[in-house]
């Protein structure tokens, strides 16, 4: 595995966690660093790190808060 890929993985705890649970990625990343983009996309999908996922989570939180406030006031 090239040093740049190792640094990127070490700098992000989610990447390390994902590698520990999906160890087949070690083999792929050791063979070719070009798999890193695929690895990164899979991690983002698994942990819902895409912007649309964050927006969806924020909207869900707002909806929950509105429900709580309506229950308290109502």
PDB file of N, CA and C in Angstrom:
ATOM      1  N   UNK A   1       0.869  -1.172   0.000  1.00  0.00           N
ATOM      2  CA  UNK A   1       0.000   0.000   0.000  1.00  0.00           C
ATOM      3  C   UNK A   1       0.909   1.226   0.000  1.00  0.00           C
ATOM      4  N   UNK A   2       0.613   2.162  -0.854  1.00  0.00           N
ATOM      5  CA  UNK A   2       1.479   3.339  -0.907  1.00  0.00           C
ATOM      6  C   UNK A   2       1.238   4.233   0.305  1.00  0.00           C
ATOM      7  N   UNK A   3       2.221   5.033   0.605  1.00  0.00           N
ATOM      8  CA  UNK A   3       2.207   5.846   1.817  1.00  0.00           C
ATOM      9  C   UNK A   3       1.039   6.834   1.854  1.00  0.00           C
ATOM     10  N   UNK A   4       0.689   7.431   0.732  1.00  0.00           N
ATOM     11  CA  UNK A   4      -0.407   8.403   0.688  1.00  0.00           C
ATOM     12  C   UNK A   4      -1.733   7.758   1.101  1.00  0.00           C
ATOM     13  N   UNK A   5      -1.977   6.557   0.618  1.00  0.00           N
ATOM     14  CA  UNK A   5      -3.204   5.839   0.972  1.00  0.00           C
ATOM     15  C   UNK A   5      -3.194   5.504   2.463  1.00  0.00           C
ATOM     16  N   UNK A   6      -2.059   5.077   2.977  1.00  0.00           N
ATOM     17  CA  UNK A   6      -1.941   4.772   4.401  1.00  0.00           C
ATOM     18  C   UNK A   6      -2.230   6.002   5.250  1.00  0.00           C
ATOM     19  N   UNK A   7      -1.720   7.148   4.845  1.00  0.00           N
ATOM     20  CA  UNK A   7      -1.954   8.391   5.596  1.00  0.00           C
ATOM     21  C   UNK A   7      -3.421   8.789   5.573  1.00  0.00           C
ATOM     22  N   UNK A   8      -4.067   8.636   4.417  1.00  0.00           N
ATOM     23  CA  UNK A   8      -5.486   8.960   4.315  1.00  0.00           C
ATOM     24  C   UNK A   8      -6.322   8.056   5.219  1.00  0.00           C
ATOM     25  N   UNK A   9      -5.974   6.788   5.246  1.00  0.00           N
ATOM     26  CA  UNK A   9      -6.715   5.837   6.078  1.00  0.00           C
ATOM     27  C   UNK A   9      -6.504   6.140   7.558  1.00  0.00           C
ATOM     28  N   UNK A  10      -5.270   6.400   7.940  1.00  0.00           N
ATOM     29  CA  UNK A  10      -4.974   6.687   9.353  1.00  0.00           C
ATOM     30  C   UNK A  10      -5.579   7.997   9.823  1.00  0.00           C
ATOM     31  N   UNK A  11      -5.779   8.936   8.913  1.00  0.00           N
ATOM     32  CA  UNK A  11      -6.303  10.247   9.304  1.00  0.00           C
ATOM     33  C   UNK A  11      -7.818  10.232   9.527  1.00  0.00           C
ATOM     34  N   UNK A  12      -8.479   9.171   9.087  1.00  0.00           N
ATOM     35  CA  UNK A  12      -9.933   9.097   9.232  1.00  0.00           C
ATOM     36  C   UNK A  12     -10.313   7.845  10.036  1.00  0.00           C
ATOM     37  N   UNK A  13     -10.827   8.033  11.256  1.00  0.00           N
ATOM     38  CA  UNK A  13     -11.176   6.870  12.089  1.00  0.00           C
ATOM     39  C   UNK A  13     -12.237   5.956  11.460  1.00  0.00           C
ATOM     40  N   UNK A  14     -13.120   6.521  10.660  1.00  0.00           N
ATOM     41  CA  UNK A  14     -14.146   5.703  10.000  1.00  0.00           C
ATOM     42  C   UNK A  14     -13.513   4.732   9.001  1.00  0.00           C
ATOM     43  N   UNK A  15     -12.477   5.189   8.312  1.00  0.00           N
ATOM     44  CA  UNK A  15     -11.783   4.315   7.366  1.00  0.00           C
ATOM     45  C   UNK A  15     -11.140   3.144   8.102  1.00  0.00           C
ATOM     46  N   UNK A  16     -10.496   3.436   9.224  1.00  0.00           N
ATOM     47  CA  UNK A  16      -9.862   2.377  10.011  1.00  0.00           C
ATOM     48  C   UNK A  16     -10.887   1.380  10.530  1.00  0.00           C
ATOM     49  N   UNK A  17     -11.983   1.902  11.039  1.00  0.00           N
ATOM     50  CA  UNK A  17     -13.042   1.038  11.561  1.00  0.00           C
ATOM     51  C   UNK A  17     -13.591   0.132  10.457  1.00  0.00           C
ATOM     52  N   UNK A  18     -13.817   0.723   9.292  1.00  0.00           N
ATOM     53  CA  UNK A  18     -14.354  -0.054   8.172  1.00  0.00           C
ATOM     54  C   UNK A  18     -13.352  -1.125   7.731  1.00  0.00           C
ATOM     55  N   UNK A  19     -12.074  -0.782   7.699  1.00  0.00           N
ATOM     56  CA  UNK A  19     -11.054  -1.757   7.325  1.00  0.00           C
ATOM     57  C   UNK A  19     -10.993  -2.924   8.304  1.00  0.00           C
ATOM     58  N   UNK A  20     -11.174  -2.642   9.576  1.00  0.00           N
ATOM     59  CA  UNK A  20     -11.134  -3.717  10.567  1.00  0.00           C
ATOM     60  C   UNK A  20     -12.312  -4.674  10.403  1.00  0.00           C
ATOM     61  N   UNK A  21     -13.449  -4.169   9.988  1.00  0.00           N
ATOM     62  CA  UNK A  21     -14.613  -5.036   9.825  1.00  0.00           C
ATOM     63  C   UNK A  21     -14.736  -5.632   8.425  1.00  0.00           C
ATOM     64  N   UNK A  22     -14.056  -5.026   7.460  1.00  0.00           N
ATOM     65  CA  UNK A  22     -14.087  -5.527   6.080  1.00  0.00           C
ATOM     66  C   UNK A  22     -12.641  -5.699   5.605  1.00  0.00           C
ATOM     67  N   UNK A  23     -11.981  -6.714   6.116  1.00  0.00           N
ATOM     68  CA  UNK A  23     -10.545  -6.881   5.919  1.00  0.00           C
ATOM     69  C   UNK A  23     -10.136  -7.203   4.475  1.00  0.00           C
ATOM     70  N   UNK A  24     -11.077  -7.603   3.649  1.00  0.00           N
ATOM     71  CA  UNK A  24     -10.730  -7.883   2.249  1.00  0.00           C
ATOM     72  C   UNK A  24     -10.200  -6.637   1.532  1.00  0.00           C
ATOM     73  N   UNK A  25     -10.502  -5.468   2.091  1.00  0.00           N
ATOM     74  CA  UNK A  25     -10.013  -4.233   1.483  1.00  0.00           C
ATOM     75  C   UNK A  25      -8.496  -4.084   1.617  1.00  0.00           C
ATOM     76  N   UNK A  26      -7.897  -4.678   2.629  1.00  0.00           N
ATOM     77  CA  UNK A  26      -6.443  -4.641   2.748  1.00  0.00           C
ATOM     78  C   UNK A  26      -5.802  -5.219   1.496  1.00  0.00           C
ATOM     79  N   UNK A  27      -6.305  -6.347   1.079  1.00  0.00           N
ATOM     80  CA  UNK A  27      -5.767  -7.037  -0.093  1.00  0.00           C
ATOM     81  C   UNK A  27      -5.924  -6.174  -1.346  1.00  0.00           C
ATOM     82  N   UNK A  28      -7.121  -5.621  -1.525  1.00  0.00           N
ATOM     83  CA  UNK A  28      -7.375  -4.804  -2.716  1.00  0.00           C
ATOM     84  C   UNK A  28      -6.494  -3.560  -2.741  1.00  0.00           C
ATOM     85  N   UNK A  29      -6.389  -2.884  -1.602  1.00  0.00           N
ATOM     86  CA  UNK A  29      -5.613  -1.653  -1.545  1.00  0.00           C
ATOM     87  C   UNK A  29      -4.119  -1.920  -1.647  1.00  0.00           C
ATOM     88  N   UNK A  30      -3.667  -3.064  -1.177  1.00  0.00           N
ATOM     89  CA  UNK A  30      -2.258  -3.429  -1.332  1.00  0.00           C
ATOM     90  C   UNK A  30      -1.911  -3.707  -2.784  1.00  0.00           C
ATOM     91  N   UNK A  31      -2.848  -4.281  -3.504  1.00  0.00           N
ATOM     92  CA  UNK A  31      -2.589  -4.612  -4.908  1.00  0.00           C
ATOM     93  C   UNK A  31      -2.577  -3.379  -5.806  1.00  0.00           C
ATOM     94  N   UNK A  32      -3.510  -2.481  -5.552  1.00  0.00           N
ATOM     95  CA  UNK A  32      -3.602  -1.303  -6.422  1.00  0.00           C
ATOM     96  C   UNK A  32      -4.248  -0.151  -5.666  1.00  0.00           C
ATOM     97  N   UNK A  33      -3.524   0.946  -5.550  1.00  0.00           N
ATOM     98  CA  UNK A  33      -4.036   2.106  -4.813  1.00  0.00           C
ATOM     99  C   UNK A  33      -5.224   2.755  -5.506  1.00  0.00           C
ATOM    100  N   UNK A  34      -5.470   2.417  -6.754  1.00  0.00           N
ATOM    101  CA  UNK A  34      -6.592   3.003  -7.489  1.00  0.00           C
ATOM    102  C   UNK A  34      -7.937   2.553  -6.921  1.00  0.00           C
ATOM    103  N   UNK A  35      -7.929   1.497  -6.134  1.00  0.00           N
ATOM    104  CA  UNK A  35      -9.154   1.042  -5.480  1.00  0.00           C
ATOM    105  C   UNK A  35      -9.573   1.962  -4.337  1.00  0.00           C
ATOM    106  N   UNK A  36      -8.713   2.911  -3.971  1.00  0.00           N
ATOM    107  CA  UNK A  36      -9.022   3.765  -2.827  1.00  0.00           C
ATOM    108  C   UNK A  36     -10.312   4.557  -3.044  1.00  0.00           C
ATOM    109  N   UNK A  37     -10.541   5.058  -4.244  1.00  0.00           N
ATOM    110  CA  UNK A  37     -11.771   5.811  -4.509  1.00  0.00           C
ATOM    111  C   UNK A  37     -13.006   4.932  -4.312  1.00  0.00           C
ATOM    112  N   UNK A  38     -12.916   3.688  -4.742  1.00  0.00           N
ATOM    113  CA  UNK A  38     -14.016   2.734  -4.551  1.00  0.00           C
ATOM    114  C   UNK A  38     -14.210   2.454  -3.050  1.00  0.00           C
ATOM    115  N   UNK A  39     -13.098   2.286  -2.351  1.00  0.00           N
ATOM    116  CA  UNK A  39     -13.141   2.056  -0.904  1.00  0.00           C
ATOM    117  C   UNK A  39     -13.793   3.246  -0.196  1.00  0.00           C
ATOM    118  N   UNK A  40     -13.372   4.434  -0.564  1.00  0.00           N
ATOM    119  CA  UNK A  40     -13.898   5.657   0.048  1.00  0.00           C
ATOM    120  C   UNK A  40     -15.407   5.784  -0.186  1.00  0.00           C
ATOM    121  N   UNK A  41     -15.859   5.494  -1.386  1.00  0.00           N
ATOM    122  CA  UNK A  41     -17.287   5.560  -1.700  1.00  0.00           C
ATOM    123  C   UNK A  41     -18.078   4.541  -0.888  1.00  0.00           C
ATOM    124  N   UNK A  42     -17.514   3.359  -0.714  1.00  0.00           N
ATOM    125  CA  UNK A  42     -18.201   2.321   0.055  1.00  0.00           C
ATOM    126  C   UNK A  42     -18.303   2.706   1.532  1.00  0.00           C
ATOM    127  N   UNK A  43     -17.246   3.313   2.066  1.00  0.00           N
ATOM    128  CA  UNK A  43     -17.267   3.763   3.465  1.00  0.00           C
ATOM    129  C   UNK A  43     -18.312   4.858   3.642  1.00  0.00           C
ATOM    130  N   UNK A  44     -18.336   5.804   2.727  1.00  0.00           N
ATOM    131  CA  UNK A  44     -19.316   6.892   2.820  1.00  0.00           C
ATOM    132  C   UNK A  44     -20.742   6.363   2.728  1.00  0.00           C
ATOM    133  N   UNK A  45     -20.951   5.377   1.881  1.00  0.00           N
ATOM    134  CA  UNK A  45     -22.280   4.790   1.750  1.00  0.00           C
ATOM    135  C   UNK A  45     -22.667   4.047   3.030  1.00  0.00           C
ATOM    136  N   UNK A  46     -21.726   3.285   3.578  1.00  0.00           N
ATOM    137  CA  UNK A  46     -21.985   2.493   4.789  1.00  0.00           C
ATOM    138  C   UNK A  46     -22.295   3.380   5.992  1.00  0.00           C
ATOM    139  N   UNK A  47     -21.513   4.436   6.171  1.00  0.00           N
ATOM    140  CA  UNK A  47     -21.670   5.294   7.341  1.00  0.00           C
ATOM    141  C   UNK A  47     -22.522   6.542   7.064  1.00  0.00           C
ATOM    142  N   UNK A  48     -23.103   6.586   5.873  1.00  0.00           N
ATOM    143  CA  UNK A  48     -23.982   7.689   5.478  1.00  0.00           C
ATOM    144  C   UNK A  48     -23.303   9.049   5.675  1.00  0.00           C
ATOM    145  N   UNK A  49     -22.200   9.220   4.973  1.00  0.00           N
ATOM    146  CA  UNK A  49     -21.412  10.441   5.084  1.00  0.00           C
ATOM    147  C   UNK A  49     -21.590  11.386   3.896  1.00  0.00           C
ATOM    148  N   UNK A  50     -22.488  11.052   2.993  1.00  0.00           N
ATOM    149  CA  UNK A  50     -22.740  11.928   1.851  1.00  0.00           C
ATOM    150  C   UNK A  50     -23.572  13.126   2.314  1.00  0.00           C
ATOM    151  N   UNK A  51     -23.445  14.266   1.643  1.00  0.00           N
ATOM    152  CA  UNK A  51     -24.208  15.460   2.045  1.00  0.00           C
ATOM    153  C   UNK A  51     -25.717  15.219   2.107  1.00  0.00           C
ATOM    154  N   UNK A  52     -26.268  14.489   1.157  1.00  0.00           N
ATOM    155  CA  UNK A  52     -27.717  14.252   1.174  1.00  0.00           C
ATOM    156  C   UNK A  52     -28.128  13.433   2.402  1.00  0.00           C
ATOM    157  N   UNK A  53     -27.247  12.552   2.868  1.00  0.00           N
ATOM    158  CA  UNK A  53     -27.537  11.792   4.087  1.00  0.00           C
ATOM    159  C   UNK A  53     -27.557  12.712   5.305  1.00  0.00           C
ATOM    160  N   UNK A  54     -26.637  13.642   5.332  1.00  0.00           N
ATOM    161  CA  UNK A  54     -26.587  14.595   6.451  1.00  0.00           C
ATOM    162  C   UNK A  54     -27.809  15.498   6.461  1.00  0.00           C
ATOM    163  N   UNK A  55     -28.236  15.931   5.284  1.00  0.00           N
ATOM    164  CA  UNK A  55     -29.434  16.774   5.186  1.00  0.00           C
ATOM    165  C   UNK A  55     -30.659  15.984   5.643  1.00  0.00           C
ATOM    166  N   UNK A  56     -30.750  14.749   5.205  1.00  0.00           N
ATOM    167  CA  UNK A  56     -31.878  13.900   5.596  1.00  0.00           C
ATOM    168  C   UNK A  56     -31.910  13.699   7.117  1.00  0.00           C
ATOM    169  N   UNK A  57     -30.744  13.504   7.697  1.00  0.00           N
ATOM    170  CA  UNK A  57     -30.659  13.326   9.148  1.00  0.00           C
ATOM    171  C   UNK A  57     -31.077  14.599   9.873  1.00  0.00           C
ATOM    172  N   UNK A  58     -30.649  15.771   9.366  1.00  0.00           N
ATOM    173  CA  UNK A  58     -31.020  17.047   9.983  1.00  0.00           C
ATOM    174  C   UNK A  58     -32.527  17.286   9.881  1.00  0.00           C
ATOM    175  N   UNK A  59     -33.118  16.982   8.738  1.00  0.00           N
ATOM    176  CA  UNK A  59     -34.560  17.150   8.565  1.00  0.00           C
ATOM    177  C   UNK A  59     -35.341  16.220   9.489  1.00  0.00           C
ATOM    178  N   UNK A  60     -34.838  15.026   9.674  1.00  0.00           N
ATOM    179  CA  UNK A  60     -35.476  14.090  10.588  1.00  0.00           C
ATOM    180  C   UNK A  60     -35.417  14.610  12.022  1.00  0.00           C
ATOM    181  N   UNK A  61     -34.303  15.191  12.401  1.00  0.00           N
ATOM    182  CA  UNK A  61     -34.155  15.761  13.739  1.00  0.00           C
ATOM    183  C   UNK A  61     -35.108  16.934  13.943  1.00  0.00           C
ATOM    184  N   UNK A  62     -35.237  17.790  12.938  1.00  0.00           N
ATOM    185  CA  UNK A  62     -36.154  18.936  13.016  1.00  0.00           C
ATOM    186  C   UNK A  62     -37.589  18.444  13.160  1.00  0.00           C
ATOM    187  N   UNK A  63     -37.943  17.428  12.402  1.00  0.00           N
ATOM    188  CA  UNK A  63     -39.295  16.861  12.489  1.00  0.00           C
ATOM    189  C   UNK A  63     -39.563  16.303  13.884  1.00  0.00           C
ATOM    190  N   UNK A  64     -38.588  15.642  14.452  1.00  0.00           N
ATOM    191  CA  UNK A  64     -38.732  15.094  15.803  1.00  0.00           C
ATOM    192  C   UNK A  64     -38.910  16.213  16.824  1.00  0.00           C
ATOM    193  N   UNK A  65     -38.113  17.253  16.689  1.00  0.00           N
ATOM    194  CA  UNK A  65     -38.225  18.390  17.610  1.00  0.00           C
ATOM    195  C   UNK A  65     -39.583  19.074  17.491  1.00  0.00           C
ATOM    196  N   UNK A  66     -40.094  19.209  16.276  1.00  0.00           N
ATOM    197  CA  UNK A  66     -41.419  19.809  16.085  1.00  0.00           C
ATOM    198  C   UNK A  66     -42.502  18.953  16.753  1.00  0.00           C
ATOM    199  N   UNK A  67     -42.382  17.664  16.652  1.00  0.00           N
ATOM    200  CA  UNK A  67     -43.339  16.755  17.281  1.00  0.00           C
ATOM    201  C   UNK A  67     -43.290  16.889  18.796  1.00  0.00           C
ATOM    202  N   UNK A  68     -42.109  16.966  19.340  1.00  0.00           N
ATOM    203  CA  UNK A  68     -41.958  17.124  20.788  1.00  0.00           C
ATOM    204  C   UNK A  68     -42.548  18.441  21.258  1.00  0.00           C
ATOM    205  N   UNK A  69     -42.259  19.525  20.530  1.00  0.00           N
ATOM    206  CA  UNK A  69     -42.798  20.840  20.906  1.00  0.00           C
ATOM    207  C   UNK A  69     -44.324  20.874  20.787  1.00  0.00           C
ATOM    208  N   UNK A  70     -44.861  20.223  19.764  1.00  0.00           N
ATOM    209  CA  UNK A  70     -46.310  20.175  19.613  1.00  0.00           C
ATOM    210  C   UNK A  70     -46.948  19.394  20.747  1.00  0.00           C
ATOM    211  N   UNK A  71     -46.298  18.352  21.193  1.00  0.00           N
ATOM    212  CA  UNK A  71     -46.813  17.567  22.306  1.00  0.00           C
ATOM    213  C   UNK A  71     -46.762  18.359  23.613  1.00  0.00           C
ATOM    214  N   UNK A  72     -45.709  19.083  23.831  1.00  0.00           N
ATOM    215  CA  UNK A  72     -45.577  19.890  25.048  1.00  0.00           C
ATOM    216  C   UNK A  72     -46.589  21.037  25.058  1.00  0.00           C
ATOM    217  N   UNK A  73     -46.769  21.705  23.938  1.00  0.00           N
ATOM    218  CA  UNK A  73     -47.665  22.862  23.856  1.00  0.00           C
ATOM    219  C   UNK A  73     -49.131  22.457  23.721  1.00  0.00           C
ATOM    220  N   UNK A  74     -49.376  21.290  23.237  1.00  0.00           N
ATOM    221  CA  UNK A  74     -50.701  20.901  22.840  1.00  0.00           C
ATOM    222  C   UNK A  74     -51.561  20.312  23.859  1.00  0.00           C
TER     223      UNK A  74
END
